[in-house]
Every structure is written in structure tokens, then in C-alpha cells.
Amino acid sequence: MTHRLTLQSIKQVTHNVVHLTFDKPEGFDFTPGQATELALDQDGWRDEGRPFTFTSLPEEDTLDFVIKSYPDHDGVTARIPKLRPGDHVLIGDAWGAIEDKGDGVFIAGGAGVTPFISILRAKLAAKGTLDGNTLLFSNKTEADIILKDWFEKAEGLKTQWVVTDQKDPRYESGPIGVKMLKELVTPGRDICYVCGPDSMVEDLPKKLEAAGVPDAQIVTEDFS
């Protein structure tokens, strides 16, 4: 089913990421971590749907998205930052493989963190703390870290930042390896969630298994 949404607000999050808030259709539902196919309601773009994750909570009155743009490609994400309140987009029903299966370690690369925003927000709303959860987040540079302040202030959440293209003693340098995973993950206790580019989603489960995490406790979804 197709739903037509009206943009209420758009705010800059990082140099290439925006937070969009839309009206929510009556009866629309989703599970934290799920995504939808979103297209611009503009001539020539209605059939150019792309997957984006809801970052709001199901009980809230709006549908929110945190979207990274790629201006070097003349595509949907390059046009999204140019949207203004009152503009429209088209979305389908919710879908997605990542959902809350228990406390653990959330491993993200770039825009792959977006499914974890809603999941962690829901956990925080339900328990008042994110104690027992860790976010391991890899980006090219510090400037690329999405919602860094929010994650660092989230009660009980342990954060580990990794930057791959920047030398900075405050951060781990990439790539994420077995040694780092062993320091953060308790096999048999932690559910390990992985979301990011295809290469990361293919590589990290192997490293998690090498760190002692059973396959049944690894949840993945690509977000290239």
C-alpha cells in the first residue's frame, strides 16, 4: 500500500545527513528497526524508491527519518536535502530483518546506524536505561558520526567510535577486528546486530564467530 506523506520539518544533523519529520498516516505501524521504500512525489521520481529506516517510535505521531545524502550522485539522496516543509514523499508498508532480540552490541557502519536509532530509543523509553548495550560505530571521520551527542548522552549506553580515514587518539582506527570485538562482546550473552555496507555485513559475522559468538546470536541487514 502506498502512503503520501507531507514534510513537516527538515534539520541538518551532519554535513551530509538530515533529519526529516513527516505526518503519520492513520493506522500506519512498524517495529523499531524496520524500513520502508521511500520515493519523492515529483515528476520523474515517483518510481525511484529507496530503502530508509524509521527513526521515530511506533507510538509517536510522526514518521521520522535520518538520511545520508550522496551529492556526487544525481539520485534520490542528493535531492532529499533540498526538500522543504510542505513537500511530499511516497512510502510503502514497513519491512526489515533487524528488530530488538535482546540486549547486546550494535555494530554499525555509516548510515547503517539508522535502524539502531529507533531500537535504542524504544529500549530507553521502556527501561529508562540502555545498560547492557554497546554501540560500536565505524565512520570515515569524526564529522561523519551521526547523532554522536545523543548516543553519548543516552543513559547506560556504552559507545565505541571507530574512524578509518582520520588519525585521532580519541578514537579507535579501523577496520573493526576480532581483538576489538572480543573486548566488547560477551559470547552467549550479547546479541550482536550488524548493519552497514555490503562488505561490512559479509565480513563482520565471520569476525564475530571468530570472537566466539554463535551464529544464532548474530542479526544482520545490509544498508549500502
C-alpha atoms as a PDB file:
ATOM      1  CA  MET A   1       0.000   0.000   0.000  1.00  0.00           C
ATOM      2  CA  THR A   2       1.304   3.461  -0.887  1.00  0.00           C
ATOM      3  CA  HIS A   3       1.093   6.355   1.586  1.00  0.00           C
ATOM      4  CA  ARG A   4       1.635  10.032   0.732  1.00  0.00           C
ATOM      5  CA  LEU A   5       3.448  11.948   3.476  1.00  0.00           C
ATOM      6  CA  THR A   6       3.821  15.691   3.981  1.00  0.00           C
ATOM      7  CA  LEU A   7       7.154  17.010   5.233  1.00  0.00           C
ATOM      8  CA  GLN A   8       6.793  18.941   8.485  1.00  0.00           C
ATOM      9  CA  SER A   9      10.440  19.800   9.169  1.00  0.00           C
ATOM     10  CA  ILE A  10      13.980  19.131   7.950  1.00  0.00           C
ATOM     11  CA  LYS A  11      17.097  19.684  10.060  1.00  0.00           C
ATOM     12  CA  GLN A  12      20.804  19.238   9.380  1.00  0.00           C
ATOM     13  CA  VAL A  13      22.433  16.509  11.513  1.00  0.00           C
ATOM     14  CA  THR A  14      25.926  16.342   9.978  1.00  0.00           C
ATOM     15  CA  HIS A  15      27.459  17.826   6.842  1.00  0.00           C
ATOM     16  CA  ASN A  16      25.679  15.207   4.712  1.00  0.00           C
ATOM     17  CA  VAL A  17      22.857  13.889   6.929  1.00  0.00           C
ATOM     18  CA  VAL A  18      19.401  15.364   7.514  1.00  0.00           C
ATOM     19  CA  HIS A  19      16.577  14.579   9.948  1.00  0.00           C
ATOM     20  CA  LEU A  20      13.154  14.661   8.311  1.00  0.00           C
ATOM     21  CA  THR A  21       9.814  14.674  10.144  1.00  0.00           C
ATOM     22  CA  PHE A  22       6.611  13.770   8.298  1.00  0.00           C
ATOM     23  CA  ASP A  23       2.969  13.429   9.231  1.00  0.00           C
ATOM     24  CA  LYS A  24       1.941   9.864  10.083  1.00  0.00           C
ATOM     25  CA  PRO A  25      -0.933   8.180   8.218  1.00  0.00           C
ATOM     26  CA  GLU A  26      -3.727   6.917  10.436  1.00  0.00           C
ATOM     27  CA  GLY A  27      -3.223   3.266  11.326  1.00  0.00           C
ATOM     28  CA  PHE A  28       0.347   3.081   9.989  1.00  0.00           C
ATOM     29  CA  ASP A  29       2.500   0.786  12.104  1.00  0.00           C
ATOM     30  CA  PHE A  30       6.052  -0.516  12.182  1.00  0.00           C
ATOM     31  CA  THR A  31       8.502  -2.234  14.501  1.00  0.00           C
ATOM     32  CA  PRO A  32      11.608  -0.324  15.673  1.00  0.00           C
ATOM     33  CA  GLY A  33      14.411  -1.158  13.248  1.00  0.00           C
ATOM     34  CA  GLN A  34      12.164  -1.553  10.226  1.00  0.00           C
ATOM     35  CA  ALA A  35      12.416   0.427   6.989  1.00  0.00           C
ATOM     36  CA  THR A  36      10.222   1.430   4.082  1.00  0.00           C
ATOM     37  CA  GLU A  37      10.616   2.178   0.395  1.00  0.00           C
ATOM     38  CA  LEU A  38      10.524   5.974   0.000  1.00  0.00           C
ATOM     39  CA  ALA A  39      10.183   7.943  -3.236  1.00  0.00           C
ATOM     40  CA  LEU A  40       9.916  11.644  -3.961  1.00  0.00           C
ATOM     41  CA  ASP A  41       6.431  12.718  -5.042  1.00  0.00           C
ATOM     42  CA  GLN A  42       7.842  14.621  -8.015  1.00  0.00           C
ATOM     43  CA  ASP A  43       7.630  14.104 -11.755  1.00  0.00           C
ATOM     44  CA  GLY A  44      10.228  11.612 -12.885  1.00  0.00           C
ATOM     45  CA  TRP A  45      10.980  10.390  -9.348  1.00  0.00           C
ATOM     46  CA  ARG A  46       7.874   8.531  -8.154  1.00  0.00           C
ATOM     47  CA  ASP A  47       9.245   5.176  -9.328  1.00  0.00           C
ATOM     48  CA  GLU A  48      12.713   5.775  -7.833  1.00  0.00           C
ATOM     49  CA  GLY A  49      12.088   4.297  -4.395  1.00  0.00           C
ATOM     50  CA  ARG A  50      14.948   3.768  -1.927  1.00  0.00           C
ATOM     51  CA  PRO A  51      15.003   1.985   1.455  1.00  0.00           C
ATOM     52  CA  PHE A  52      15.143   4.197   4.542  1.00  0.00           C
ATOM     53  CA  THR A  53      14.680   3.320   8.202  1.00  0.00           C
ATOM     54  CA  PHE A  54      12.173   4.886  10.562  1.00  0.00           C
ATOM     55  CA  THR A  55      13.953   6.631  13.442  1.00  0.00           C
ATOM     56  CA  SER A  56      10.794   7.633  15.292  1.00  0.00           C
ATOM     57  CA  LEU A  57       8.901   5.298  17.628  1.00  0.00           C
ATOM     58  CA  PRO A  58       5.687   3.487  16.618  1.00  0.00           C
ATOM     59  CA  GLU A  59       3.648   5.297  19.278  1.00  0.00           C
ATOM     60  CA  GLU A  60       4.715   8.768  18.149  1.00  0.00           C
ATOM     61  CA  ASP A  61       2.515  10.984  15.968  1.00  0.00           C
ATOM     62  CA  THR A  62       5.140  11.498  13.260  1.00  0.00           C
ATOM     63  CA  LEU A  63       7.311   9.399  10.955  1.00  0.00           C
ATOM     64  CA  ASP A  64      10.959  10.442  11.186  1.00  0.00           C
ATOM     65  CA  PHE A  65      13.955   9.511   9.057  1.00  0.00           C
ATOM     66  CA  VAL A  66      17.663  10.284   9.368  1.00  0.00           C
ATOM     67  CA  ILE A  67      19.037  10.149   5.830  1.00  0.00           C
ATOM     68  CA  LYS A  68      22.557  10.434   4.473  1.00  0.00           C
ATOM     69  CA  SER A  69      22.908  12.166   1.115  1.00  0.00           C
ATOM     70  CA  TYR A  70      25.367  11.355  -1.648  1.00  0.00           C
ATOM     71  CA  PRO A  71      25.590  14.609  -3.641  1.00  0.00           C
ATOM     72  CA  ASP A  72      28.062  13.186  -6.152  1.00  0.00           C
ATOM     73  CA  HIS A  73      25.218  11.013  -7.475  1.00  0.00           C
ATOM     74  CA  ASP A  74      22.249  12.787  -9.036  1.00  0.00           C
ATOM     75  CA  GLY A  75      19.850  10.479  -7.248  1.00  0.00           C
ATOM     76  CA  VAL A  76      17.184  10.403  -4.550  1.00  0.00           C
ATOM     77  CA  THR A  77      19.513  11.089  -1.628  1.00  0.00           C
ATOM     78  CA  ALA A  78      21.041  14.104  -3.386  1.00  0.00           C
ATOM     79  CA  ARG A  79      17.571  15.631  -3.732  1.00  0.00           C
ATOM     80  CA  ILE A  80      16.295  14.881  -0.228  1.00  0.00           C
ATOM     81  CA  PRO A  81      18.220  17.742   1.495  1.00  0.00           C
ATOM     82  CA  LYS A  82      16.526  20.157  -0.920  1.00  0.00           C
ATOM     83  CA  LEU A  83      13.045  19.212   0.324  1.00  0.00           C
ATOM     84  CA  ARG A  84      11.117  21.881   2.204  1.00  0.00           C
ATOM     85  CA  PRO A  85       8.159  21.705   4.627  1.00  0.00           C
ATOM     86  CA  GLY A  86       5.007  21.057   2.647  1.00  0.00           C
ATOM     87  CA  ASP A  87       6.735  18.824   0.080  1.00  0.00           C
ATOM     88  CA  HIS A  88       5.536  15.248  -0.325  1.00  0.00           C
ATOM     89  CA  VAL A  89       7.064  11.768  -0.477  1.00  0.00           C
ATOM     90  CA  LEU A  90       5.570   8.335  -1.108  1.00  0.00           C
ATOM     91  CA  ILE A  91       6.228   5.320   1.114  1.00  0.00           C
ATOM     92  CA  GLY A  92       5.127   1.702   1.229  1.00  0.00           C
ATOM     93  CA  ASP A  93       4.467  -0.544   4.194  1.00  0.00           C
ATOM     94  CA  ALA A  94       7.198  -1.337   6.736  1.00  0.00           C
ATOM     95  CA  TRP A  95       9.661  -4.197   6.283  1.00  0.00           C
ATOM     96  CA  GLY A  96      13.079  -5.262   7.535  1.00  0.00           C
ATOM     97  CA  ALA A  97      15.140  -8.004   9.157  1.00  0.00           C
ATOM     98  CA  ILE A  98      16.537  -6.110  12.127  1.00  0.00           C
ATOM     99  CA  GLU A  99      14.453  -5.930  15.283  1.00  0.00           C
ATOM    100  CA  ASP A 100      15.116  -5.988  19.008  1.00  0.00           C
ATOM    101  CA  LYS A 101      16.029  -9.529  20.010  1.00  0.00           C
ATOM    102  CA  GLY A 102      17.650  -8.591  23.312  1.00  0.00           C
ATOM    103  CA  ASP A 103      20.452  -6.511  24.781  1.00  0.00           C
ATOM    104  CA  GLY A 104      23.859  -6.648  23.200  1.00  0.00           C
ATOM    105  CA  VAL A 105      26.299  -4.972  20.835  1.00  0.00           C
ATOM    106  CA  PHE A 106      25.078  -2.866  17.922  1.00  0.00           C
ATOM    107  CA  ILE A 107      27.714  -2.667  15.189  1.00  0.00           C
ATOM    108  CA  ALA A 108      27.132  -0.053  12.508  1.00  0.00           C
ATOM    109  CA  GLY A 109      28.912   1.433   9.535  1.00  0.00           C
ATOM    110  CA  GLY A 110      27.869   4.882   8.332  1.00  0.00           C
ATOM    111  CA  ALA A 111      24.149   5.146   7.549  1.00  0.00           C
ATOM    112  CA  GLY A 112      23.776   1.575   8.827  1.00  0.00           C
ATOM    113  CA  VAL A 113      23.280   3.047  12.291  1.00  0.00           C
ATOM    114  CA  THR A 114      19.772   4.255  11.433  1.00  0.00           C
ATOM    115  CA  PRO A 115      17.887   1.024  12.305  1.00  0.00           C
ATOM    116  CA  PHE A 116      19.544   1.126  15.716  1.00  0.00           C
ATOM    117  CA  ILE A 117      18.278   4.635  16.491  1.00  0.00           C
ATOM    118  CA  SER A 118      14.657   3.532  16.829  1.00  0.00           C
ATOM    119  CA  ILE A 119      15.581   0.258  18.564  1.00  0.00           C
ATOM    120  CA  LEU A 120      17.719   2.015  21.177  1.00  0.00           C
ATOM    121  CA  ARG A 121      15.147   4.793  21.642  1.00  0.00           C
ATOM    122  CA  ALA A 122      12.469   2.146  22.281  1.00  0.00           C
ATOM    123  CA  LYS A 123      14.677   0.314  24.784  1.00  0.00           C
ATOM    124  CA  LEU A 124      15.415   3.572  26.577  1.00  0.00           C
ATOM    125  CA  ALA A 125      11.732   4.531  26.702  1.00  0.00           C
ATOM    126  CA  ALA A 126      10.785   1.121  28.096  1.00  0.00           C
ATOM    127  CA  LYS A 127      13.526   0.730  30.719  1.00  0.00           C
ATOM    128  CA  GLY A 128      14.867   4.236  31.350  1.00  0.00           C
ATOM    129  CA  THR A 129      18.393   2.966  30.688  1.00  0.00           C
ATOM    130  CA  LEU A 130      20.434   1.263  27.992  1.00  0.00           C
ATOM    131  CA  ASP A 131      22.633  -0.516  30.489  1.00  0.00           C
ATOM    132  CA  GLY A 132      23.879  -3.762  28.948  1.00  0.00           C
ATOM    133  CA  ASN A 133      24.025  -2.328  25.423  1.00  0.00           C
ATOM    134  CA  THR A 134      27.020  -1.135  23.406  1.00  0.00           C
ATOM    135  CA  LEU A 135      27.168   0.819  20.146  1.00  0.00           C
ATOM    136  CA  LEU A 136      30.251   0.123  18.015  1.00  0.00           C
ATOM    137  CA  PHE A 137      30.071   2.689  15.224  1.00  0.00           C
ATOM    138  CA  SER A 138      32.539   2.980  12.333  1.00  0.00           C
ATOM    139  CA  ASN A 139      32.811   6.059  10.108  1.00  0.00           C
ATOM    140  CA  LYS A 140      35.407   7.664   7.868  1.00  0.00           C
ATOM    141  CA  THR A 141      35.913  10.701  10.149  1.00  0.00           C
ATOM    142  CA  GLU A 142      34.540  12.259  13.332  1.00  0.00           C
ATOM    143  CA  ALA A 143      32.437  14.646  11.212  1.00  0.00           C
ATOM    144  CA  ASP A 144      30.575  11.644   9.769  1.00  0.00           C
ATOM    145  CA  ILE A 145      29.362  10.290  13.129  1.00  0.00           C
ATOM    146  CA  ILE A 146      25.564  10.530  13.117  1.00  0.00           C
ATOM    147  CA  LEU A 147      23.888  11.700  16.370  1.00  0.00           C
ATOM    148  CA  LYS A 148      27.138  11.347  18.315  1.00  0.00           C
ATOM    149  CA  ASP A 149      25.948  13.636  21.131  1.00  0.00           C
ATOM    150  CA  TRP A 150      22.661  11.776  21.518  1.00  0.00           C
ATOM    151  CA  PHE A 151      24.334   8.375  21.733  1.00  0.00           C
ATOM    152  CA  GLU A 152      26.903   9.618  24.249  1.00  0.00           C
ATOM    153  CA  LYS A 153      24.172  11.102  26.455  1.00  0.00           C
ATOM    154  CA  ALA A 154      21.852   8.071  26.262  1.00  0.00           C
ATOM    155  CA  GLU A 155      21.638   6.696  29.797  1.00  0.00           C
ATOM    156  CA  GLY A 156      23.591   3.458  30.214  1.00  0.00           C
ATOM    157  CA  LEU A 157      24.744   3.101  26.601  1.00  0.00           C
ATOM    158  CA  LYS A 158      28.405   2.265  26.104  1.00  0.00           C
ATOM    159  CA  THR A 159      29.842   3.763  22.908  1.00  0.00           C
ATOM    160  CA  GLN A 160      32.930   2.876  20.919  1.00  0.00           C
ATOM    161  CA  TRP A 161      33.763   5.119  17.952  1.00  0.00           C
ATOM    162  CA  VAL A 162      35.937   3.950  15.071  1.00  0.00           C
ATOM    163  CA  VAL A 163      37.282   6.257  12.344  1.00  0.00           C
ATOM    164  CA  THR A 164      39.008   4.806   9.312  1.00  0.00           C
ATOM    165  CA  ASP A 165      40.288   7.893   7.450  1.00  0.00           C
ATOM    166  CA  GLN A 166      41.363  10.134  10.322  1.00  0.00           C
ATOM    167  CA  LYS A 167      44.231   9.926  12.774  1.00  0.00           C
ATOM    168  CA  ASP A 168      42.841  10.849  16.186  1.00  0.00           C
ATOM    169  CA  PRO A 169      43.968   9.381  19.519  1.00  0.00           C
ATOM    170  CA  ARG A 170      40.435   9.790  20.914  1.00  0.00           C
ATOM    171  CA  TYR A 171      39.091   7.139  18.551  1.00  0.00           C
ATOM    172  CA  GLU A 172      39.872   3.600  17.533  1.00  0.00           C
ATOM    173  CA  SER A 173      41.189   3.249  13.997  1.00  0.00           C
ATOM    174  CA  GLY A 174      39.580   0.774  11.644  1.00  0.00           C
ATOM    175  CA  PRO A 175      38.831  -1.710  10.410  1.00  0.00           C
ATOM    176  CA  ILE A 176      36.931  -3.450  13.201  1.00  0.00           C
ATOM    177  CA  GLY A 177      38.844  -6.609  14.064  1.00  0.00           C
ATOM    178  CA  VAL A 178      38.433  -9.733  16.166  1.00  0.00           C
ATOM    179  CA  LYS A 179      40.521  -8.257  19.004  1.00  0.00           C
ATOM    180  CA  MET A 180      38.203  -5.255  19.339  1.00  0.00           C
ATOM    181  CA  LEU A 181      35.123  -7.485  19.216  1.00  0.00           C
ATOM    182  CA  LYS A 182      36.467  -9.730  21.958  1.00  0.00           C
ATOM    183  CA  GLU A 183      36.915  -6.681  24.177  1.00  0.00           C
ATOM    184  CA  LEU A 184      33.311  -5.547  23.692  1.00  0.00           C
ATOM    185  CA  VAL A 185      31.267  -8.729  23.238  1.00  0.00           C
ATOM    186  CA  THR A 186      30.388 -11.375  25.798  1.00  0.00           C
ATOM    187  CA  PRO A 187      29.603 -14.543  23.782  1.00  0.00           C
ATOM    188  CA  GLY A 188      26.486 -16.341  24.952  1.00  0.00           C
ATOM    189  CA  ARG A 189      25.076 -13.175  26.494  1.00  0.00           C
ATOM    190  CA  ASP A 190      25.146 -10.445  23.874  1.00  0.00           C
ATOM    191  CA  ILE A 191      23.015 -10.388  20.768  1.00  0.00           C
ATOM    192  CA  CYS A 192      25.196  -8.848  18.049  1.00  0.00           C
ATOM    193  CA  TYR A 193      23.493  -6.640  15.487  1.00  0.00           C
ATOM    194  CA  VAL A 194      25.316  -5.680  12.291  1.00  0.00           C
ATOM    195  CA  CYS A 195      24.135  -3.119   9.751  1.00  0.00           C
ATOM    196  CA  GLY A 196      26.166  -1.242   7.160  1.00  0.00           C
ATOM    197  CA  PRO A 197      27.613  -1.567   3.660  1.00  0.00           C
ATOM    198  CA  ASP A 198      27.508  -4.997   1.995  1.00  0.00           C
ATOM    199  CA  SER A 199      31.197  -5.641   2.643  1.00  0.00           C
ATOM    200  CA  MET A 200      30.756  -4.989   6.365  1.00  0.00           C
ATOM    201  CA  VAL A 201      27.683  -7.202   6.655  1.00  0.00           C
ATOM    202  CA  GLU A 202      29.548 -10.022   4.899  1.00  0.00           C
ATOM    203  CA  ASP A 203      32.745  -9.606   6.923  1.00  0.00           C
ATOM    204  CA  LEU A 204      31.615  -8.890  10.492  1.00  0.00           C
ATOM    205  CA  PRO A 205      29.673 -12.130  11.159  1.00  0.00           C
ATOM    206  CA  LYS A 206      32.837 -14.095  10.365  1.00  0.00           C
ATOM    207  CA  LYS A 207      34.825 -11.980  12.801  1.00  0.00           C
ATOM    208  CA  LEU A 208      32.098 -12.314  15.445  1.00  0.00           C
ATOM    209  CA  GLU A 209      32.170 -16.090  15.072  1.00  0.00           C
ATOM    210  CA  ALA A 210      35.964 -15.966  15.434  1.00  0.00           C
ATOM    211  CA  ALA A 211      35.387 -13.996  18.634  1.00  0.00           C
ATOM    212  CA  GLY A 212      33.190 -16.800  19.948  1.00  0.00           C
ATOM    213  CA  VAL A 213      29.707 -15.511  19.121  1.00  0.00           C
ATOM    214  CA  PRO A 214      27.335 -18.252  17.928  1.00  0.00           C
ATOM    215  CA  ASP A 215      25.589 -17.675  14.607  1.00  0.00           C
ATOM    216  CA  ALA A 216      22.170 -17.714  16.299  1.00  0.00           C
ATOM    217  CA  GLN A 217      23.114 -14.558  18.202  1.00  0.00           C
ATOM    218  CA  ILE A 218      24.094 -12.520  15.114  1.00  0.00           C
ATOM    219  CA  VAL A 219      21.461 -10.343  13.429  1.00  0.00           C
ATOM    220  CA  THR A 220      22.382  -8.670  10.130  1.00  0.00           C
ATOM    221  CA  GLU A 221      20.970  -6.400   7.463  1.00  0.00           C
ATOM    222  CA  ASP A 222      22.807  -4.615   4.669  1.00  0.00           C
ATOM    223  CA  PHE A 223      22.387  -0.854   4.366  1.00  0.00           C
ATOM    224  CA  SER A 224      24.610   0.058   1.457  1.00  0.00           C
END
